């Protein structure tokens, strides 16, 4: 009698195993979908924040341009322009002065000649202002 039930027991066991595997696979797929959904929700929130930021920048820029069109914006003072020019000139000298050059003799000569040309132009602009 036990021999007669054995094929049915194997069949029931295989059916239970298949159902369990299907359950695990569907649960795994469900977790993948939940993770993907969460990832896309985060991306959507980021995109919405960027949109708000861009809209705010656009609105501010429109206001600034509208004020400039109406003549309500004053041009920057010549003193601040002069200060910015001197700061730029100092930065240029600090970064590109030939005494700070590295490399072989040829590279230093080229760098020195370029610096002299740019420096002459900067001084010409400074005298004109």
N, C-alpha and C. Protein backbone atom coordinates (compact mmCIF):
# COMPACT_ATOMS: atom_id res chain seq x y z
N UNK A 1 0.79 -1.17 0.00
CA UNK A 1 0.00 0.00 0.00
C UNK A 1 0.86 1.27 0.00
N UNK A 2 1.93 1.24 0.76
CA UNK A 2 2.81 2.40 0.79
C UNK A 2 3.45 2.60 -0.56
N UNK A 3 3.71 1.53 -1.28
CA UNK A 3 4.30 1.62 -2.60
C UNK A 3 3.36 2.28 -3.59
N UNK A 4 2.07 2.08 -3.40
CA UNK A 4 1.10 2.68 -4.30
C UNK A 4 0.98 4.19 -4.07
N UNK A 5 1.17 4.64 -2.86
CA UNK A 5 1.02 6.06 -2.52
C UNK A 5 2.30 6.87 -2.79
N UNK A 6 3.41 6.17 -2.95
CA UNK A 6 4.67 6.86 -3.13
C UNK A 6 4.67 7.79 -4.34
N UNK A 7 4.20 7.38 -5.51
CA UNK A 7 4.19 8.32 -6.65
C UNK A 7 3.34 9.56 -6.38
N UNK A 8 2.24 9.36 -5.66
CA UNK A 8 1.39 10.50 -5.32
C UNK A 8 2.09 11.43 -4.32
N UNK A 9 2.80 10.86 -3.41
CA UNK A 9 3.54 11.64 -2.41
C UNK A 9 4.63 12.46 -3.11
N UNK A 10 5.32 11.85 -4.07
CA UNK A 10 6.35 12.56 -4.82
C UNK A 10 5.71 13.70 -5.62
N UNK A 11 4.59 13.40 -6.24
CA UNK A 11 3.89 14.41 -7.03
C UNK A 11 3.44 15.58 -6.14
N UNK A 12 2.88 15.29 -5.00
CA UNK A 12 2.44 16.32 -4.07
C UNK A 12 3.66 17.11 -3.58
N UNK A 13 4.74 16.43 -3.30
CA UNK A 13 5.97 17.09 -2.86
C UNK A 13 6.50 18.03 -3.94
N UNK A 14 6.49 17.54 -5.19
CA UNK A 14 6.94 18.39 -6.30
C UNK A 14 6.03 19.60 -6.49
N UNK A 15 4.73 19.39 -6.35
CA UNK A 15 3.78 20.51 -6.46
C UNK A 15 4.01 21.53 -5.35
N UNK A 16 4.22 21.05 -4.13
CA UNK A 16 4.49 21.96 -3.01
C UNK A 16 5.81 22.71 -3.22
N UNK A 17 6.82 21.98 -3.71
CA UNK A 17 8.10 22.62 -3.98
C UNK A 17 7.97 23.68 -5.08
N UNK A 18 7.23 23.35 -6.12
CA UNK A 18 7.00 24.32 -7.20
C UNK A 18 6.25 25.55 -6.71
N UNK A 19 5.23 25.32 -5.88
CA UNK A 19 4.46 26.45 -5.34
C UNK A 19 5.36 27.33 -4.46
N UNK A 20 6.22 26.68 -3.66
CA UNK A 20 7.12 27.43 -2.80
C UNK A 20 8.13 28.24 -3.63
N UNK A 21 8.67 27.63 -4.67
CA UNK A 21 9.61 28.34 -5.54
C UNK A 21 8.92 29.51 -6.24
N UNK A 22 7.70 29.30 -6.68
CA UNK A 22 6.94 30.37 -7.32
C UNK A 22 6.71 31.51 -6.33
N UNK A 23 6.38 31.16 -5.10
CA UNK A 23 6.17 32.15 -4.05
C UNK A 23 7.45 32.95 -3.80
N UNK A 24 8.59 32.27 -3.72
CA UNK A 24 9.86 32.95 -3.50
C UNK A 24 10.21 33.86 -4.67
N UNK A 25 9.99 33.37 -5.89
CA UNK A 25 10.31 34.18 -7.07
C UNK A 25 9.42 35.41 -7.14
N UNK A 26 8.16 35.26 -6.86
CA UNK A 26 7.25 36.41 -6.91
C UNK A 26 7.59 37.41 -5.81
N UNK A 27 7.99 36.90 -4.64
CA UNK A 27 8.38 37.79 -3.55
C UNK A 27 9.67 38.54 -3.90
N UNK A 28 10.60 37.83 -4.54
CA UNK A 28 11.85 38.46 -4.96
C UNK A 28 11.57 39.53 -6.01
N UNK A 29 10.72 39.22 -6.96
CA UNK A 29 10.37 40.18 -8.01
C UNK A 29 9.66 41.38 -7.40
N UNK A 30 8.82 41.13 -6.41
CA UNK A 30 8.10 42.21 -5.74
C UNK A 30 9.10 43.14 -5.03
N UNK A 31 10.11 42.58 -4.40
CA UNK A 31 11.13 43.39 -3.74
C UNK A 31 11.92 44.22 -4.77
N UNK A 32 12.26 43.60 -5.91
CA UNK A 32 12.95 44.34 -6.96
C UNK A 32 12.11 45.52 -7.44
N UNK A 33 10.82 45.27 -7.63
CA UNK A 33 9.93 46.34 -8.10
C UNK A 33 9.79 47.44 -7.05
N UNK A 34 9.74 47.07 -5.77
CA UNK A 34 9.65 48.07 -4.72
C UNK A 34 10.91 48.92 -4.67
N UNK A 35 12.07 48.28 -4.84
CA UNK A 35 13.32 49.02 -4.84
C UNK A 35 13.39 49.97 -6.04
N UNK A 36 12.98 49.47 -7.20
CA UNK A 36 13.00 50.31 -8.40
C UNK A 36 12.03 51.48 -8.24
N UNK A 37 10.86 51.22 -7.67
CA UNK A 37 9.88 52.27 -7.44
C UNK A 37 10.45 53.33 -6.49
N UNK A 38 11.09 52.90 -5.42
CA UNK A 38 11.68 53.85 -4.47
C UNK A 38 12.76 54.69 -5.14
N UNK A 39 13.59 54.04 -5.96
CA UNK A 39 14.64 54.75 -6.67
C UNK A 39 14.04 55.83 -7.58
N UNK A 40 12.98 55.49 -8.29
CA UNK A 40 12.34 56.45 -9.19
C UNK A 40 11.62 57.55 -8.42
N UNK A 41 11.07 57.22 -7.25
CA UNK A 41 10.46 58.26 -6.42
C UNK A 41 11.50 59.28 -5.98
N UNK A 42 12.69 58.79 -5.61
CA UNK A 42 13.77 59.70 -5.19
C UNK A 42 14.20 60.56 -6.37
N UNK A 43 14.35 59.95 -7.55
CA UNK A 43 14.73 60.71 -8.74
C UNK A 43 13.67 61.77 -9.07
N UNK A 44 12.41 61.42 -8.90
CA UNK A 44 11.33 62.37 -9.14
C UNK A 44 11.40 63.54 -8.17
N UNK A 45 11.65 63.25 -6.89
CA UNK A 45 11.78 64.32 -5.90
C UNK A 45 12.96 65.23 -6.25
N UNK A 46 14.07 64.63 -6.66
CA UNK A 46 15.24 65.43 -7.06
C UNK A 46 14.89 66.32 -8.26
N UNK A 47 14.20 65.76 -9.23
CA UNK A 47 13.82 66.53 -10.41
C UNK A 47 12.87 67.67 -10.04
N UNK A 48 11.95 67.41 -9.11
CA UNK A 48 11.04 68.46 -8.68
C UNK A 48 11.79 69.58 -7.96
N UNK A 49 12.78 69.22 -7.15
CA UNK A 49 13.59 70.24 -6.47
C UNK A 49 14.37 71.07 -7.49
N UNK A 50 14.94 70.39 -8.50
CA UNK A 50 15.66 71.13 -9.53
C UNK A 50 14.74 72.06 -10.31
N UNK A 51 13.53 71.60 -10.57
CA UNK A 51 12.57 72.44 -11.27
C UNK A 51 12.23 73.67 -10.43
N UNK A 52 12.01 73.49 -9.13
CA UNK A 52 11.72 74.64 -8.26
C UNK A 52 12.90 75.61 -8.25
N UNK A 53 14.11 75.07 -8.18
CA UNK A 53 15.29 75.91 -8.16
C UNK A 53 15.41 76.69 -9.47
N UNK A 54 15.21 76.00 -10.60
CA UNK A 54 15.30 76.66 -11.90
C UNK A 54 14.21 77.73 -12.05
N UNK A 55 13.01 77.43 -11.57
CA UNK A 55 11.92 78.41 -11.66
C UNK A 55 12.25 79.64 -10.80
N UNK A 56 12.80 79.41 -9.62
CA UNK A 56 13.16 80.53 -8.75
C UNK A 56 14.26 81.38 -9.40
N UNK A 57 15.27 80.73 -9.98
CA UNK A 57 16.35 81.47 -10.66
C UNK A 57 15.79 82.25 -11.84
N UNK A 58 14.88 81.64 -12.59
CA UNK A 58 14.27 82.30 -13.74
C UNK A 58 13.49 83.53 -13.28
N UNK A 59 12.70 83.37 -12.22
CA UNK A 59 11.91 84.48 -11.71
C UNK A 59 12.81 85.60 -11.21
N UNK A 60 13.88 85.25 -10.49
CA UNK A 60 14.82 86.27 -10.00
C UNK A 60 15.51 86.99 -11.15
N UNK A 61 15.89 86.23 -12.16
CA UNK A 61 16.58 86.84 -13.31
C UNK A 61 15.62 87.75 -14.07
N UNK A 62 14.36 87.33 -14.21
CA UNK A 62 13.38 88.20 -14.87
C UNK A 62 13.20 89.50 -14.10
N UNK A 63 13.14 89.40 -12.78
CA UNK A 63 13.02 90.61 -11.96
C UNK A 63 14.22 91.52 -12.11
N UNK A 64 15.41 90.91 -12.11
CA UNK A 64 16.62 91.71 -12.26
C UNK A 64 16.65 92.40 -13.62
N UNK A 65 16.29 91.66 -14.66
CA UNK A 65 16.29 92.25 -16.00
C UNK A 65 15.23 93.34 -16.14
N UNK A 66 14.09 93.11 -15.52
CA UNK A 66 13.03 94.11 -15.56
C UNK A 66 13.48 95.39 -14.86
N UNK A 67 14.14 95.23 -13.71
CA UNK A 67 14.66 96.41 -13.00
C UNK A 67 15.73 97.11 -13.81
N UNK A 68 16.58 96.35 -14.46
CA UNK A 68 17.63 96.95 -15.29
C UNK A 68 17.01 97.70 -16.46
N UNK A 69 15.97 97.13 -17.02
CA UNK A 69 15.30 97.79 -18.15
C UNK A 69 14.69 99.11 -17.71
N UNK A 70 14.17 99.14 -16.52
CA UNK A 70 13.56 100.36 -16.02
C UNK A 70 14.60 101.37 -15.52
N UNK A 71 15.84 100.95 -15.50
CA UNK A 71 16.90 101.87 -15.07
C UNK A 71 17.05 101.95 -13.57
N UNK A 72 16.51 100.98 -12.86
CA UNK A 72 16.58 101.02 -11.41
C UNK A 72 17.89 100.44 -10.88
N UNK A 73 18.61 99.73 -11.70
CA UNK A 73 19.88 99.16 -11.26
C UNK A 73 20.97 100.18 -11.52
N UNK A 74 21.77 100.39 -10.53
CA UNK A 74 22.90 101.29 -10.74
C UNK A 74 24.09 100.49 -11.24
N UNK A 75 24.85 101.05 -12.16
CA UNK A 75 26.03 100.32 -12.63
C UNK A 75 27.04 100.21 -11.51
N UNK A 76 27.88 99.19 -11.54
CA UNK A 76 28.87 99.05 -10.49
C UNK A 76 29.81 100.26 -10.48
N UNK A 77 30.23 100.63 -9.30
CA UNK A 77 31.07 101.82 -9.18
C UNK A 77 32.43 101.57 -9.81
N UNK A 78 33.06 102.67 -10.24
CA UNK A 78 34.36 102.54 -10.87
C UNK A 78 35.40 102.10 -9.85
N UNK A 79 35.16 102.44 -8.56
CA UNK A 79 36.09 102.02 -7.52
C UNK A 79 36.09 100.51 -7.38
N UNK A 80 34.91 99.88 -7.41
CA UNK A 80 34.86 98.42 -7.29
C UNK A 80 35.47 97.77 -8.53
N UNK A 81 35.27 98.38 -9.71
CA UNK A 81 35.90 97.85 -10.93
C UNK A 81 37.41 97.93 -10.82
N UNK A 82 37.91 99.05 -10.30
CA UNK A 82 39.35 99.23 -10.15
C UNK A 82 39.91 98.19 -9.17
N UNK A 83 39.21 97.98 -8.08
CA UNK A 83 39.65 97.00 -7.09
C UNK A 83 39.66 95.60 -7.69
N UNK A 84 38.61 95.25 -8.42
CA UNK A 84 38.55 93.93 -9.04
C UNK A 84 39.66 93.77 -10.07
N UNK A 85 39.96 94.83 -10.82
CA UNK A 85 41.03 94.74 -11.81
C UNK A 85 42.37 94.50 -11.13
N UNK A 86 42.63 95.21 -10.03
CA UNK A 86 43.90 95.03 -9.32
C UNK A 86 44.00 93.62 -8.73
N UNK A 87 42.89 93.11 -8.23
CA UNK A 87 42.89 91.74 -7.71
C UNK A 87 43.17 90.74 -8.82
N UNK A 88 42.57 90.95 -9.97
CA UNK A 88 42.81 90.05 -11.11
C UNK A 88 44.25 90.14 -11.57
N UNK A 89 44.78 91.34 -11.61
CA UNK A 89 46.17 91.54 -12.03
C UNK A 89 47.12 90.86 -11.05
N UNK A 90 46.85 90.99 -9.76
CA UNK A 90 47.69 90.35 -8.74
C UNK A 90 47.62 88.83 -8.85
N UNK A 91 46.43 88.31 -9.06
CA UNK A 91 46.28 86.86 -9.22
C UNK A 91 47.03 86.36 -10.45
N UNK A 92 46.92 87.12 -11.54
CA UNK A 92 47.64 86.75 -12.76
C UNK A 92 49.14 86.71 -12.50
N UNK A 93 49.66 87.74 -11.83
CA UNK A 93 51.10 87.80 -11.54
C UNK A 93 51.52 86.65 -10.64
N UNK A 94 50.72 86.34 -9.65
CA UNK A 94 51.03 85.26 -8.71
C UNK A 94 51.04 83.91 -9.41
N UNK A 95 50.11 83.69 -10.31
CA UNK A 95 49.99 82.38 -10.96
C UNK A 95 50.94 82.18 -12.13
N UNK A 96 51.21 83.25 -12.89
CA UNK A 96 51.93 83.06 -14.15
C UNK A 96 53.28 83.77 -14.23
N UNK A 97 53.76 84.30 -13.13
CA UNK A 97 55.04 85.01 -13.18
C UNK A 97 56.15 84.04 -13.58
N UNK A 98 57.09 84.47 -14.43
CA UNK A 98 58.15 83.58 -14.92
C UNK A 98 59.05 83.04 -13.81
N UNK A 99 59.16 83.75 -12.70
CA UNK A 99 60.00 83.26 -11.61
C UNK A 99 59.44 81.99 -10.99
N UNK A 100 58.13 81.77 -11.15
CA UNK A 100 57.48 80.58 -10.58
C UNK A 100 57.37 79.45 -11.60
N UNK A 101 57.92 79.64 -12.78
CA UNK A 101 57.75 78.66 -13.86
C UNK A 101 58.57 77.41 -13.59
N UNK A 102 58.02 76.29 -14.00
CA UNK A 102 58.70 75.01 -13.91
C UNK A 102 58.92 74.50 -15.33
N UNK A 103 59.83 73.56 -15.46
CA UNK A 103 60.09 72.99 -16.77
C UNK A 103 61.50 73.31 -17.23
N UNK A 104 61.78 72.96 -18.47
CA UNK A 104 63.13 73.20 -18.99
C UNK A 104 63.30 74.67 -19.38
N UNK A 105 64.49 75.03 -19.79
CA UNK A 105 64.84 76.42 -20.08
C UNK A 105 63.98 77.01 -21.20
N UNK A 106 63.67 76.21 -22.20
CA UNK A 106 62.86 76.67 -23.34
C UNK A 106 61.44 77.02 -22.88
N UNK A 107 60.84 76.16 -22.05
CA UNK A 107 59.49 76.42 -21.55
C UNK A 107 59.45 77.69 -20.71
N UNK A 108 60.49 77.89 -19.88
CA UNK A 108 60.54 79.09 -19.05
C UNK A 108 60.69 80.35 -19.90
N UNK A 109 61.48 80.26 -20.98
CA UNK A 109 61.64 81.42 -21.87
C UNK A 109 60.31 81.78 -22.54
N UNK A 110 59.61 80.76 -23.01
CA UNK A 110 58.31 80.99 -23.65
C UNK A 110 57.33 81.60 -22.65
N UNK A 111 57.31 81.04 -21.46
CA UNK A 111 56.40 81.53 -20.43
C UNK A 111 56.73 82.99 -20.07
N UNK A 112 58.04 83.32 -19.98
CA UNK A 112 58.44 84.68 -19.65
C UNK A 112 58.00 85.66 -20.74
N UNK A 113 58.16 85.26 -22.00
CA UNK A 113 57.78 86.14 -23.10
C UNK A 113 56.26 86.36 -23.13
N UNK A 114 55.50 85.30 -22.90
CA UNK A 114 54.04 85.44 -22.88
C UNK A 114 53.62 86.32 -21.70
N UNK A 115 54.26 86.13 -20.55
CA UNK A 115 53.92 86.95 -19.39
C UNK A 115 54.18 88.42 -19.68
N UNK A 116 55.31 88.73 -20.31
CA UNK A 116 55.63 90.14 -20.63
C UNK A 116 54.57 90.74 -21.53
N UNK A 117 54.11 89.98 -22.53
CA UNK A 117 53.10 90.50 -23.45
C UNK A 117 51.78 90.75 -22.73
N UNK A 118 51.35 89.79 -21.93
CA UNK A 118 50.10 89.97 -21.20
C UNK A 118 50.22 91.09 -20.18
N UNK A 119 51.35 91.17 -19.50
CA UNK A 119 51.53 92.20 -18.49
C UNK A 119 51.49 93.59 -19.12
N UNK A 120 52.12 93.75 -20.28
CA UNK A 120 52.07 95.03 -20.98
C UNK A 120 50.64 95.40 -21.33
N UNK A 121 49.86 94.44 -21.76
CA UNK A 121 48.45 94.70 -22.09
C UNK A 121 47.66 95.07 -20.85
N UNK A 122 47.92 94.40 -19.74
CA UNK A 122 47.21 94.71 -18.49
C UNK A 122 47.55 96.14 -18.03
N UNK A 123 48.80 96.53 -18.15
CA UNK A 123 49.19 97.88 -17.75
C UNK A 123 48.58 98.93 -18.68
N UNK A 124 48.48 98.61 -19.96
CA UNK A 124 47.84 99.52 -20.91
C UNK A 124 46.38 99.74 -20.54
N UNK A 125 45.69 98.65 -20.18
CA UNK A 125 44.29 98.75 -19.78
C UNK A 125 44.18 99.56 -18.48
N UNK A 126 45.10 99.33 -17.57
CA UNK A 126 45.07 100.05 -16.30
C UNK A 126 45.27 101.56 -16.51
N UNK A 127 46.19 101.92 -17.37
CA UNK A 127 46.42 103.36 -17.65
C UNK A 127 45.20 103.99 -18.31
N UNK A 128 44.54 103.24 -19.19
CA UNK A 128 43.36 103.77 -19.88
C UNK A 128 42.20 103.99 -18.92
N UNK A 129 42.07 103.14 -17.95
CA UNK A 129 40.99 103.27 -16.97
C UNK A 129 41.36 104.33 -15.99
